[in-house]
Amino acid sequence: MSPSENSQLESLLRVGLAGGYAIGLTDALGIRALGLATPLGVRGFWIAAMTGMAVASGCILVYVLLVSAPRRARAEANTAAKQ
């Protein structure tokens, strides 16, 4: 697994699943201070799943911008230098 795939998997499992458990089934996070009834039940799982997907998307974006793009630019520069 590449580092990007690892971070995506971790964000989906830790944020999505563990966060869903914490928000949906317990009142451990203290979100009652926000005026929300705790536990949130199914809505908590959906909120955590969407947050996990957003974090995974951010990881993909960082990977593309920092890892894939420079590699492609170097390859294009090498082919241009060979011509």
C-alpha atoms as a PDB file:
ATOM      1  CA  MET A   1       0.000   0.000   0.000  1.00  0.00           C
ATOM      2  CA  SER A   2       1.226   3.462  -0.820  1.00  0.00           C
ATOM      3  CA  PRO A   3       1.323   6.122   1.904  1.00  0.00           C
ATOM      4  CA  SER A   4      -1.630   7.846   0.271  1.00  0.00           C
ATOM      5  CA  GLU A   5      -3.753   4.698   0.353  1.00  0.00           C
ATOM      6  CA  ASN A   6      -2.797   4.209   3.998  1.00  0.00           C
ATOM      7  CA  SER A   7      -3.920   7.701   4.988  1.00  0.00           C
ATOM      8  CA  GLN A   8      -7.173   7.286   3.072  1.00  0.00           C
ATOM      9  CA  LEU A   9      -7.903   3.990   4.782  1.00  0.00           C
ATOM     10  CA  GLU A  10      -7.053   5.427   8.181  1.00  0.00           C
ATOM     11  CA  SER A  11      -9.260   8.462   7.642  1.00  0.00           C
ATOM     12  CA  LEU A  12     -12.166   6.300   6.552  1.00  0.00           C
ATOM     13  CA  LEU A  13     -11.789   3.853   9.432  1.00  0.00           C
ATOM     14  CA  ARG A  14     -10.752   6.170  12.240  1.00  0.00           C
ATOM     15  CA  VAL A  15     -12.812   9.225  11.380  1.00  0.00           C
ATOM     16  CA  GLY A  16     -15.695   7.470   9.676  1.00  0.00           C
ATOM     17  CA  LEU A  17     -16.204   4.353  11.755  1.00  0.00           C
ATOM     18  CA  ALA A  18     -14.766   5.325  15.136  1.00  0.00           C
ATOM     19  CA  GLY A  19     -16.204   8.816  14.841  1.00  0.00           C
ATOM     20  CA  GLY A  20     -19.576   7.359  13.939  1.00  0.00           C
ATOM     21  CA  TYR A  21     -19.478   5.166  17.002  1.00  0.00           C
ATOM     22  CA  ALA A  22     -18.482   8.078  19.244  1.00  0.00           C
ATOM     23  CA  ILE A  23     -21.069  10.476  17.838  1.00  0.00           C
ATOM     24  CA  GLY A  24     -23.826   7.990  17.091  1.00  0.00           C
ATOM     25  CA  LEU A  25     -23.827   5.673  20.053  1.00  0.00           C
ATOM     26  CA  THR A  26     -22.200   7.541  22.953  1.00  0.00           C
ATOM     27  CA  ASP A  27     -22.182  11.002  24.420  1.00  0.00           C
ATOM     28  CA  ALA A  28     -18.423  10.938  25.010  1.00  0.00           C
ATOM     29  CA  LEU A  29     -17.539  13.922  22.813  1.00  0.00           C
ATOM     30  CA  GLY A  30     -19.533  16.481  24.732  1.00  0.00           C
ATOM     31  CA  ILE A  31     -21.505  17.718  21.724  1.00  0.00           C
ATOM     32  CA  ARG A  32     -24.368  18.416  24.050  1.00  0.00           C
ATOM     33  CA  ALA A  33     -22.758  21.851  24.540  1.00  0.00           C
ATOM     34  CA  LEU A  34     -23.573  22.573  20.877  1.00  0.00           C
ATOM     35  CA  GLY A  35     -27.243  22.070  21.595  1.00  0.00           C
ATOM     36  CA  LEU A  36     -27.446  18.648  19.962  1.00  0.00           C
ATOM     37  CA  ALA A  37     -29.224  15.755  21.596  1.00  0.00           C
ATOM     38  CA  THR A  38     -26.796  12.951  22.291  1.00  0.00           C
ATOM     39  CA  PRO A  39     -26.286  10.279  21.120  1.00  0.00           C
ATOM     40  CA  LEU A  40     -27.141  11.209  17.531  1.00  0.00           C
ATOM     41  CA  GLY A  41     -27.833   7.674  16.352  1.00  0.00           C
ATOM     42  CA  VAL A  42     -27.840   7.097  12.604  1.00  0.00           C
ATOM     43  CA  ARG A  43     -27.278  10.803  11.916  1.00  0.00           C
ATOM     44  CA  GLY A  44     -24.010  10.596  13.862  1.00  0.00           C
ATOM     45  CA  PHE A  45     -22.777   7.754  11.681  1.00  0.00           C
ATOM     46  CA  TRP A  46     -23.644   9.713   8.525  1.00  0.00           C
ATOM     47  CA  ILE A  47     -21.911  12.842   9.789  1.00  0.00           C
ATOM     48  CA  ALA A  48     -18.778  10.858  10.622  1.00  0.00           C
ATOM     49  CA  ALA A  49     -18.871   8.998   7.286  1.00  0.00           C
ATOM     50  CA  MET A  50     -19.075  12.267   5.354  1.00  0.00           C
ATOM     51  CA  THR A  51     -16.270  13.745   7.438  1.00  0.00           C
ATOM     52  CA  GLY A  52     -14.133  10.664   6.809  1.00  0.00           C
ATOM     53  CA  MET A  53     -14.737  10.980   3.073  1.00  0.00           C
ATOM     54  CA  ALA A  54     -13.772  14.665   3.189  1.00  0.00           C
ATOM     55  CA  VAL A  55     -10.545  13.827   5.020  1.00  0.00           C
ATOM     56  CA  ALA A  56      -9.768  11.057   2.504  1.00  0.00           C
ATOM     57  CA  SER A  57     -10.406  13.473  -0.366  1.00  0.00           C
ATOM     58  CA  GLY A  58      -8.043  15.953   1.230  1.00  0.00           C
ATOM     59  CA  CYS A  59      -5.389  13.230   1.467  1.00  0.00           C
ATOM     60  CA  ILE A  60      -5.810  12.446  -2.223  1.00  0.00           C
ATOM     61  CA  LEU A  61      -5.504  16.132  -3.102  1.00  0.00           C
ATOM     62  CA  VAL A  62      -2.312  16.493  -1.059  1.00  0.00           C
ATOM     63  CA  TYR A  63      -0.908  13.360  -2.679  1.00  0.00           C
ATOM     64  CA  VAL A  64      -1.629  14.629  -6.177  1.00  0.00           C
ATOM     65  CA  LEU A  65      -0.252  18.094  -5.527  1.00  0.00           C
ATOM     66  CA  LEU A  66       2.878  17.075  -3.637  1.00  0.00           C
ATOM     67  CA  VAL A  67       3.831  13.680  -4.982  1.00  0.00           C
ATOM     68  CA  SER A  68       2.359  12.967  -8.401  1.00  0.00           C
ATOM     69  CA  ALA A  69       2.649  16.413  -9.971  1.00  0.00           C
ATOM     70  CA  PRO A  70       6.396  16.910  -9.257  1.00  0.00           C
ATOM     71  CA  ARG A  71       7.154  13.438 -10.597  1.00  0.00           C
ATOM     72  CA  ARG A  72       5.316  14.211 -13.836  1.00  0.00           C
ATOM     73  CA  ALA A  73       7.035  17.589 -14.131  1.00  0.00           C
ATOM     74  CA  ARG A  74      10.456  15.969 -13.717  1.00  0.00           C
ATOM     75  CA  ALA A  75       9.617  13.389 -16.377  1.00  0.00           C
ATOM     76  CA  GLU A  76       8.524  16.107 -18.800  1.00  0.00           C
ATOM     77  CA  ALA A  77      11.688  18.098 -18.069  1.00  0.00           C
ATOM     78  CA  ASN A  78      13.863  15.039 -18.707  1.00  0.00           C
ATOM     79  CA  THR A  79      12.204  14.314 -22.052  1.00  0.00           C
ATOM     80  CA  ALA A  80      12.507  17.974 -23.056  1.00  0.00           C
ATOM     81  CA  ALA A  81      16.213  17.967 -22.116  1.00  0.00           C
ATOM     82  CA  LYS A  82      16.848  14.844 -24.191  1.00  0.00           C
ATOM     83  CA  GLN A  83      15.441  16.474 -27.320  1.00  0.00           C
END
